[in-house]
Amino acid sequence: GATDNNTAYQWAVYYTYIYAANQALGFIDLEQSKNVEKAKYYLAQAYTIRAFAYYHLITLYQDAYLHGGKDKSGVPVYTVAGEPAKGRGTAQAVYGQIITDCTDAIKYFTESGQTPSTKDEVSIYVAYMTLARTALTMGDYEAAASAAGKGIDGFALMSETQALDNGFQKLDSPETIWGYKFSSSTSNRNNSFSSHMSAYALGYGGSNGGYKMIDERLYNQIPSSDWRKKLYFATDT
């Protein structure tokens, strides 16, 4: 609902990311930089964060692009830190900004030659991931497939053992593109409903959880000989 606390929380979180990204973009001057490669790397990270934030904002606060949202209002687009308040603009403008930011990010990542040392840093693969999601949302399946293909080039698939050992929740999983280590120092609360209410949330403090959502019709088509079926937990509600 419009007056729900979570609405204001989501809005504030993503616009905080955008403001910080705009600060970095406004601060970095390639012509004045003593280390152009490092400067381009930081620019690329900022463009990626901004695109990531706008993607989540437009998907949260407007109808899906292919289901009526394309021609409706967007969310306010800020590209400079400290800009005066703006109106919502158009959804097309938001999606256009996301595509532009992802494209610029990939360009600067490539030119910088820099790569992150840990998976909690923003990398070119995060830019590809965001571009793929955006293109998929817009129905540009060729672009989505291309970006997704480039995004997974730097990663390997999990083995059965890794996947069933809560692999989707682990930062060091070979399939993890971007994440952070959940701990008391990286989070100040635990608001997971399942961790408090579900007797089947085995992943909470254990190693056998991390179950994913799946449509029952699709689940029923997975043969029992396929170990990936074990990633889902069939039980009565």
C-alpha atoms as a PDB file:
ATOM      1  CA  GLY A   1       0.000   0.000   0.000  1.00  0.00           C
ATOM      2  CA  ALA A   2       1.021   3.598  -0.567  1.00  0.00           C
ATOM      3  CA  THR A   3       1.315   4.317   3.161  1.00  0.00           C
ATOM      4  CA  ASP A   4       3.038   1.072   4.110  1.00  0.00           C
ATOM      5  CA  ASN A   5       6.440   1.436   5.778  1.00  0.00           C
ATOM      6  CA  ASN A   6       8.009  -1.060   3.388  1.00  0.00           C
ATOM      7  CA  THR A   7       7.083   1.139   0.417  1.00  0.00           C
ATOM      8  CA  ALA A   8       9.024   4.073   1.838  1.00  0.00           C
ATOM      9  CA  TYR A   9      11.875   1.761   2.846  1.00  0.00           C
ATOM     10  CA  GLN A  10      12.357   0.298  -0.646  1.00  0.00           C
ATOM     11  CA  TRP A  11      12.129   3.730  -2.253  1.00  0.00           C
ATOM     12  CA  ALA A  12      14.699   5.210   0.129  1.00  0.00           C
ATOM     13  CA  VAL A  13      17.150   2.310  -0.202  1.00  0.00           C
ATOM     14  CA  TYR A  14      17.374   2.419  -3.990  1.00  0.00           C
ATOM     15  CA  TYR A  15      17.493   6.201  -4.216  1.00  0.00           C
ATOM     16  CA  THR A  16      20.300   6.165  -1.647  1.00  0.00           C
ATOM     17  CA  TYR A  17      22.226   3.876  -4.022  1.00  0.00           C
ATOM     18  CA  ILE A  18      21.475   6.253  -6.892  1.00  0.00           C
ATOM     19  CA  TYR A  19      22.583   9.294  -4.937  1.00  0.00           C
ATOM     20  CA  ALA A  20      25.862   7.631  -3.961  1.00  0.00           C
ATOM     21  CA  ALA A  21      26.448   6.513  -7.558  1.00  0.00           C
ATOM     22  CA  ASN A  22      25.784  10.037  -8.823  1.00  0.00           C
ATOM     23  CA  GLN A  23      28.226  11.420  -6.269  1.00  0.00           C
ATOM     24  CA  ALA A  24      30.950   9.109  -7.569  1.00  0.00           C
ATOM     25  CA  LEU A  25      30.146   9.868 -11.206  1.00  0.00           C
ATOM     26  CA  GLY A  26      30.261  13.598 -10.513  1.00  0.00           C
ATOM     27  CA  PHE A  27      33.502  13.357  -8.553  1.00  0.00           C
ATOM     28  CA  ILE A  28      35.591  11.285 -10.962  1.00  0.00           C
ATOM     29  CA  ASP A  29      37.285  13.253 -13.739  1.00  0.00           C
ATOM     30  CA  LEU A  30      39.193  11.025 -16.153  1.00  0.00           C
ATOM     31  CA  GLU A  31      41.213  13.940 -17.522  1.00  0.00           C
ATOM     32  CA  GLN A  32      42.452  14.846 -14.043  1.00  0.00           C
ATOM     33  CA  SER A  33      42.959  11.306 -12.809  1.00  0.00           C
ATOM     34  CA  LYS A  34      46.439  10.004 -12.000  1.00  0.00           C
ATOM     35  CA  ASN A  35      45.238   6.440 -12.527  1.00  0.00           C
ATOM     36  CA  VAL A  36      42.821   6.381 -15.472  1.00  0.00           C
ATOM     37  CA  GLU A  37      42.313   2.604 -15.363  1.00  0.00           C
ATOM     38  CA  LYS A  38      41.302   2.670 -11.701  1.00  0.00           C
ATOM     39  CA  ALA A  39      39.075   5.704 -12.310  1.00  0.00           C
ATOM     40  CA  LYS A  40      37.282   3.902 -15.147  1.00  0.00           C
ATOM     41  CA  TYR A  41      36.801   0.911 -12.876  1.00  0.00           C
ATOM     42  CA  TYR A  42      35.070   3.062 -10.264  1.00  0.00           C
ATOM     43  CA  LEU A  43      32.960   4.745 -12.944  1.00  0.00           C
ATOM     44  CA  ALA A  44      31.867   1.336 -14.190  1.00  0.00           C
ATOM     45  CA  GLN A  45      30.848   0.263 -10.683  1.00  0.00           C
ATOM     46  CA  ALA A  46      28.851   3.465 -10.165  1.00  0.00           C
ATOM     47  CA  TYR A  47      27.019   3.112 -13.487  1.00  0.00           C
ATOM     48  CA  THR A  48      26.190  -0.494 -12.618  1.00  0.00           C
ATOM     49  CA  ILE A  49      24.822   0.372  -9.179  1.00  0.00           C
ATOM     50  CA  ARG A  50      22.666   3.141 -10.644  1.00  0.00           C
ATOM     51  CA  ALA A  51      21.272   0.842 -13.329  1.00  0.00           C
ATOM     52  CA  PHE A  52      20.632  -1.891 -10.761  1.00  0.00           C
ATOM     53  CA  ALA A  53      18.721   0.540  -8.533  1.00  0.00           C
ATOM     54  CA  TYR A  54      16.583   1.956 -11.340  1.00  0.00           C
ATOM     55  CA  TYR A  55      15.747  -1.559 -12.536  1.00  0.00           C
ATOM     56  CA  HIS A  56      14.348  -2.498  -9.146  1.00  0.00           C
ATOM     57  CA  LEU A  57      12.541   0.825  -8.728  1.00  0.00           C
ATOM     58  CA  ILE A  58      10.704   0.596 -12.048  1.00  0.00           C
ATOM     59  CA  THR A  59       9.751  -3.033 -11.502  1.00  0.00           C
ATOM     60  CA  LEU A  60       8.498  -2.261  -7.994  1.00  0.00           C
ATOM     61  CA  TYR A  61       6.575   0.912  -8.758  1.00  0.00           C
ATOM     62  CA  GLN A  62       5.076   0.314 -12.202  1.00  0.00           C
ATOM     63  CA  ASP A  63       3.314  -2.469 -14.075  1.00  0.00           C
ATOM     64  CA  ALA A  64       5.476  -4.897 -16.034  1.00  0.00           C
ATOM     65  CA  TYR A  65       6.824  -3.415 -19.260  1.00  0.00           C
ATOM     66  CA  LEU A  66       5.103  -5.961 -21.499  1.00  0.00           C
ATOM     67  CA  HIS A  67       1.851  -5.889 -19.523  1.00  0.00           C
ATOM     68  CA  GLY A  68       0.830  -2.255 -19.721  1.00  0.00           C
ATOM     69  CA  GLY A  69       3.756  -0.569 -17.994  1.00  0.00           C
ATOM     70  CA  LYS A  70       5.593   0.426 -21.172  1.00  0.00           C
ATOM     71  CA  ASP A  71       3.446   3.493 -21.805  1.00  0.00           C
ATOM     72  CA  LYS A  72       2.849   4.547 -18.210  1.00  0.00           C
ATOM     73  CA  SER A  73       4.696   6.804 -15.763  1.00  0.00           C
ATOM     74  CA  GLY A  74       8.160   5.878 -14.604  1.00  0.00           C
ATOM     75  CA  VAL A  75      10.059   6.879 -11.482  1.00  0.00           C
ATOM     76  CA  PRO A  76      12.056  10.112 -11.108  1.00  0.00           C
ATOM     77  CA  VAL A  77      15.395   9.829 -12.900  1.00  0.00           C
ATOM     78  CA  TYR A  78      18.352  11.611 -11.317  1.00  0.00           C
ATOM     79  CA  THR A  79      21.779  11.555 -12.963  1.00  0.00           C
ATOM     80  CA  VAL A  80      23.410  14.312 -10.905  1.00  0.00           C
ATOM     81  CA  ALA A  81      23.721  14.331  -7.118  1.00  0.00           C
ATOM     82  CA  GLY A  82      21.694  17.072  -5.477  1.00  0.00           C
ATOM     83  CA  GLU A  83      19.228  17.664  -8.311  1.00  0.00           C
ATOM     84  CA  PRO A  84      15.912  19.270  -7.304  1.00  0.00           C
ATOM     85  CA  ALA A  85      12.924  16.958  -6.904  1.00  0.00           C
ATOM     86  CA  LYS A  86      11.454  15.741 -10.182  1.00  0.00           C
ATOM     87  CA  GLY A  87       8.244  14.216 -11.425  1.00  0.00           C
ATOM     88  CA  ARG A  88       7.888  10.587 -12.444  1.00  0.00           C
ATOM     89  CA  GLY A  89       8.573  11.015 -16.166  1.00  0.00           C
ATOM     90  CA  THR A  90       7.983   7.978 -18.360  1.00  0.00           C
ATOM     91  CA  ALA A  91       8.747   4.288 -17.963  1.00  0.00           C
ATOM     92  CA  GLN A  92      10.500   4.410 -21.331  1.00  0.00           C
ATOM     93  CA  ALA A  93      12.928   7.010 -19.994  1.00  0.00           C
ATOM     94  CA  VAL A  94      13.760   4.847 -16.979  1.00  0.00           C
ATOM     95  CA  TYR A  95      14.401   1.748 -19.067  1.00  0.00           C
ATOM     96  CA  GLY A  96      16.442   3.814 -21.497  1.00  0.00           C
ATOM     97  CA  GLN A  97      18.602   5.095 -18.637  1.00  0.00           C
ATOM     98  CA  ILE A  98      19.172   1.552 -17.372  1.00  0.00           C
ATOM     99  CA  ILE A  99      20.298   0.345 -20.801  1.00  0.00           C
ATOM    100  CA  THR A 100      22.586   3.364 -21.223  1.00  0.00           C
ATOM    101  CA  ASP A 101      24.126   2.926 -17.770  1.00  0.00           C
ATOM    102  CA  CYS A 102      24.738  -0.792 -18.307  1.00  0.00           C
ATOM    103  CA  THR A 103      26.326  -0.116 -21.693  1.00  0.00           C
ATOM    104  CA  ASP A 104      28.596   2.573 -20.224  1.00  0.00           C
ATOM    105  CA  ALA A 105      29.489   0.324 -17.307  1.00  0.00           C
ATOM    106  CA  ILE A 106      30.511  -2.565 -19.552  1.00  0.00           C
ATOM    107  CA  LYS A 107      32.575  -0.169 -21.674  1.00  0.00           C
ATOM    108  CA  TYR A 108      34.465   1.232 -18.680  1.00  0.00           C
ATOM    109  CA  PHE A 109      34.942  -2.182 -17.066  1.00  0.00           C
ATOM    110  CA  THR A 110      36.490  -3.428 -20.306  1.00  0.00           C
ATOM    111  CA  GLU A 111      38.723  -0.395 -20.753  1.00  0.00           C
ATOM    112  CA  SER A 112      39.863  -0.444 -17.132  1.00  0.00           C
ATOM    113  CA  GLY A 113      41.233  -3.977 -17.224  1.00  0.00           C
ATOM    114  CA  GLN A 114      40.390  -4.174 -13.504  1.00  0.00           C
ATOM    115  CA  THR A 115      38.644  -7.085 -11.824  1.00  0.00           C
ATOM    116  CA  PRO A 116      37.297  -7.328  -8.260  1.00  0.00           C
ATOM    117  CA  SER A 117      39.130  -9.441  -5.732  1.00  0.00           C
ATOM    118  CA  THR A 118      35.943 -10.646  -3.989  1.00  0.00           C
ATOM    119  CA  LYS A 119      32.375 -11.384  -5.017  1.00  0.00           C
ATOM    120  CA  ASP A 120      30.928  -8.680  -2.810  1.00  0.00           C
ATOM    121  CA  GLU A 121      32.380  -6.077  -5.184  1.00  0.00           C
ATOM    122  CA  VAL A 122      30.559  -4.952  -8.326  1.00  0.00           C
ATOM    123  CA  SER A 123      32.022  -6.522 -11.463  1.00  0.00           C
ATOM    124  CA  ILE A 124      31.312  -6.472 -15.192  1.00  0.00           C
ATOM    125  CA  TYR A 125      29.225  -9.600 -14.634  1.00  0.00           C
ATOM    126  CA  VAL A 126      26.815  -7.629 -12.443  1.00  0.00           C
ATOM    127  CA  ALA A 127      26.427  -5.151 -15.309  1.00  0.00           C
ATOM    128  CA  TYR A 128      25.706  -7.995 -17.724  1.00  0.00           C
ATOM    129  CA  MET A 129      23.241  -9.489 -15.219  1.00  0.00           C
ATOM    130  CA  THR A 130      21.366  -6.191 -14.889  1.00  0.00           C
ATOM    131  CA  LEU A 131      21.364  -5.673 -18.654  1.00  0.00           C
ATOM    132  CA  ALA A 132      20.046  -9.197 -19.220  1.00  0.00           C
ATOM    133  CA  ARG A 133      17.234  -8.757 -16.690  1.00  0.00           C
ATOM    134  CA  THR A 134      16.238  -5.409 -18.195  1.00  0.00           C
ATOM    135  CA  ALA A 135      16.253  -6.697 -21.772  1.00  0.00           C
ATOM    136  CA  LEU A 136      14.220  -9.732 -20.699  1.00  0.00           C
ATOM    137  CA  THR A 137      11.668  -7.477 -18.977  1.00  0.00           C
ATOM    138  CA  MET A 138      11.393  -5.397 -22.172  1.00  0.00           C
ATOM    139  CA  GLY A 139      10.932  -8.443 -24.378  1.00  0.00           C
ATOM    140  CA  ASP A 140      14.256  -7.995 -26.184  1.00  0.00           C
ATOM    141  CA  TYR A 141      15.129 -11.671 -25.941  1.00  0.00           C
ATOM    142  CA  GLU A 142      18.099 -11.563 -28.286  1.00  0.00           C
ATOM    143  CA  ALA A 143      19.801  -8.878 -26.194  1.00  0.00           C
ATOM    144  CA  ALA A 144      18.855 -10.699 -22.999  1.00  0.00           C
ATOM    145  CA  ALA A 145      20.386 -13.951 -24.213  1.00  0.00           C
ATOM    146  CA  SER A 146      23.552 -12.190 -25.359  1.00  0.00           C
ATOM    147  CA  ALA A 147      24.065 -10.349 -22.056  1.00  0.00           C
ATOM    148  CA  ALA A 148      23.229 -13.425 -19.997  1.00  0.00           C
ATOM    149  CA  GLY A 149      25.679 -15.517 -22.008  1.00  0.00           C
ATOM    150  CA  LYS A 150      28.472 -13.031 -21.388  1.00  0.00           C
ATOM    151  CA  GLY A 151      27.462 -12.788 -17.739  1.00  0.00           C
ATOM    152  CA  ILE A 152      27.901 -16.505 -17.071  1.00  0.00           C
ATOM    153  CA  ASP A 153      31.140 -16.865 -19.044  1.00  0.00           C
ATOM    154  CA  GLY A 154      33.207 -16.315 -15.918  1.00  0.00           C
ATOM    155  CA  PHE A 155      31.446 -18.945 -13.833  1.00  0.00           C
ATOM    156  CA  ALA A 156      30.999 -22.692 -13.596  1.00  0.00           C
ATOM    157  CA  LEU A 157      27.957 -24.745 -12.645  1.00  0.00           C
ATOM    158  CA  MET A 158      27.588 -26.171  -9.175  1.00  0.00           C
ATOM    159  CA  SER A 159      27.919 -29.883  -8.697  1.00  0.00           C
ATOM    160  CA  GLU A 160      25.103 -31.878  -7.110  1.00  0.00           C
ATOM    161  CA  THR A 161      26.948 -31.892  -3.800  1.00  0.00           C
ATOM    162  CA  GLN A 162      27.497 -28.130  -3.869  1.00  0.00           C
ATOM    163  CA  ALA A 163      23.929 -27.333  -4.882  1.00  0.00           C
ATOM    164  CA  LEU A 164      22.341 -29.540  -2.246  1.00  0.00           C
ATOM    165  CA  ASP A 165      24.677 -28.163   0.410  1.00  0.00           C
ATOM    166  CA  ASN A 166      22.753 -24.876   0.358  1.00  0.00           C
ATOM    167  CA  GLY A 167      24.859 -23.723  -2.583  1.00  0.00           C
ATOM    168  CA  PHE A 168      22.412 -21.023  -3.651  1.00  0.00           C
ATOM    169  CA  GLN A 169      22.980 -19.260  -0.336  1.00  0.00           C
ATOM    170  CA  LYS A 170      26.786 -19.294  -0.382  1.00  0.00           C
ATOM    171  CA  LEU A 171      29.066 -16.505  -1.497  1.00  0.00           C
ATOM    172  CA  ASP A 172      31.823 -18.905  -2.537  1.00  0.00           C
ATOM    173  CA  SER A 173      29.534 -20.977  -4.763  1.00  0.00           C
ATOM    174  CA  PRO A 174      30.930 -21.258  -8.329  1.00  0.00           C
ATOM    175  CA  GLU A 175      27.611 -19.903  -9.634  1.00  0.00           C
ATOM    176  CA  THR A 176      27.442 -16.840  -7.373  1.00  0.00           C
ATOM    177  CA  ILE A 177      27.948 -13.673  -9.400  1.00  0.00           C
ATOM    178  CA  TRP A 178      27.463 -11.092  -6.662  1.00  0.00           C
ATOM    179  CA  GLY A 179      26.555 -11.219  -2.993  1.00  0.00           C
ATOM    180  CA  TYR A 180      27.686 -10.627   0.547  1.00  0.00           C
ATOM    181  CA  LYS A 181      28.399 -12.667   3.627  1.00  0.00           C
ATOM    182  CA  PHE A 182      25.400 -12.486   5.925  1.00  0.00           C
ATOM    183  CA  SER A 183      26.577 -11.887   9.480  1.00  0.00           C
ATOM    184  CA  SER A 184      25.977  -9.665  12.466  1.00  0.00           C
ATOM    185  CA  SER A 185      28.361  -7.114  10.958  1.00  0.00           C
ATOM    186  CA  THR A 186      26.582  -6.942   7.572  1.00  0.00           C
ATOM    187  CA  SER A 187      22.974  -6.881   8.783  1.00  0.00           C
ATOM    188  CA  ASN A 188      21.228  -5.414  11.771  1.00  0.00           C
ATOM    189  CA  ARG A 189      18.133  -7.588  11.797  1.00  0.00           C
ATOM    190  CA  ASN A 190      16.555 -10.815  10.614  1.00  0.00           C
ATOM    191  CA  ASN A 191      13.091 -10.345   9.124  1.00  0.00           C
ATOM    192  CA  SER A 192      12.830 -13.677   7.342  1.00  0.00           C
ATOM    193  CA  PHE A 193       9.295 -14.918   7.921  1.00  0.00           C
ATOM    194  CA  SER A 194      10.175 -18.533   7.201  1.00  0.00           C
ATOM    195  CA  SER A 195      13.022 -18.578   9.712  1.00  0.00           C
ATOM    196  CA  HIS A 196      10.539 -17.886  12.499  1.00  0.00           C
ATOM    197  CA  MET A 197       7.391 -19.614  11.286  1.00  0.00           C
ATOM    198  CA  SER A 198       8.251 -22.589   9.072  1.00  0.00           C
ATOM    199  CA  ALA A 199       9.272 -25.950  10.466  1.00  0.00           C
ATOM    200  CA  TYR A 200      10.550 -26.791   7.001  1.00  0.00           C
ATOM    201  CA  ALA A 201      13.004 -23.897   6.715  1.00  0.00           C
ATOM    202  CA  LEU A 202      15.941 -26.244   7.178  1.00  0.00           C
ATOM    203  CA  GLY A 203      18.391 -23.760   5.706  1.00  0.00           C
ATOM    204  CA  TYR A 204      18.023 -21.520   8.728  1.00  0.00           C
ATOM    205  CA  GLY A 205      21.139 -22.473  10.662  1.00  0.00           C
ATOM    206  CA  GLY A 206      21.458 -25.761   8.771  1.00  0.00           C
ATOM    207  CA  SER A 207      22.953 -27.010   5.543  1.00  0.00           C
ATOM    208  CA  ASN A 208      19.973 -28.611   3.808  1.00  0.00           C
ATOM    209  CA  GLY A 209      17.768 -25.602   3.141  1.00  0.00           C
ATOM    210  CA  GLY A 210      17.717 -22.759   0.671  1.00  0.00           C
ATOM    211  CA  TYR A 211      14.712 -24.158  -1.174  1.00  0.00           C
ATOM    212  CA  LYS A 212      13.477 -22.328  -4.258  1.00  0.00           C
ATOM    213  CA  MET A 213       9.983 -21.522  -5.466  1.00  0.00           C
ATOM    214  CA  ILE A 214       8.679 -23.460  -8.464  1.00  0.00           C
ATOM    215  CA  ASP A 215       5.347 -23.905 -10.220  1.00  0.00           C
ATOM    216  CA  GLU A 216       3.894 -27.277  -9.261  1.00  0.00           C
ATOM    217  CA  ARG A 217       3.150 -28.084 -12.902  1.00  0.00           C
ATOM    218  CA  LEU A 218       6.812 -27.696 -13.783  1.00  0.00           C
ATOM    219  CA  TYR A 219       7.953 -29.535 -10.671  1.00  0.00           C
ATOM    220  CA  ASN A 220       5.821 -32.523 -11.619  1.00  0.00           C
ATOM    221  CA  GLN A 221       7.563 -32.730 -14.997  1.00  0.00           C
ATOM    222  CA  ILE A 222      11.035 -33.126 -13.490  1.00  0.00           C
ATOM    223  CA  PRO A 223      11.881 -36.839 -13.415  1.00  0.00           C
ATOM    224  CA  SER A 224      12.800 -38.285 -10.044  1.00  0.00           C
ATOM    225  CA  SER A 225      16.149 -39.345 -11.528  1.00  0.00           C
ATOM    226  CA  ASP A 226      17.123 -35.670 -11.960  1.00  0.00           C
ATOM    227  CA  TRP A 227      18.906 -34.560  -8.771  1.00  0.00           C
ATOM    228  CA  ARG A 228      17.857 -30.953  -9.361  1.00  0.00           C
ATOM    229  CA  LYS A 229      14.374 -31.920  -8.213  1.00  0.00           C
ATOM    230  CA  LYS A 230      15.849 -32.149  -4.715  1.00  0.00           C
ATOM    231  CA  LEU A 231      16.338 -28.372  -4.723  1.00  0.00           C
ATOM    232  CA  TYR A 232      12.597 -28.049  -4.127  1.00  0.00           C
ATOM    233  CA  PHE A 233      10.737 -29.301  -1.108  1.00  0.00           C
ATOM    234  CA  ALA A 234       7.322 -30.832  -1.760  1.00  0.00           C
ATOM    235  CA  THR A 235       5.056 -30.616   1.261  1.00  0.00           C
ATOM    236  CA  ASP A 236       1.478 -29.717   2.080  1.00  0.00           C
ATOM    237  CA  THR A 237       0.999 -26.081   2.977  1.00  0.00           C
END
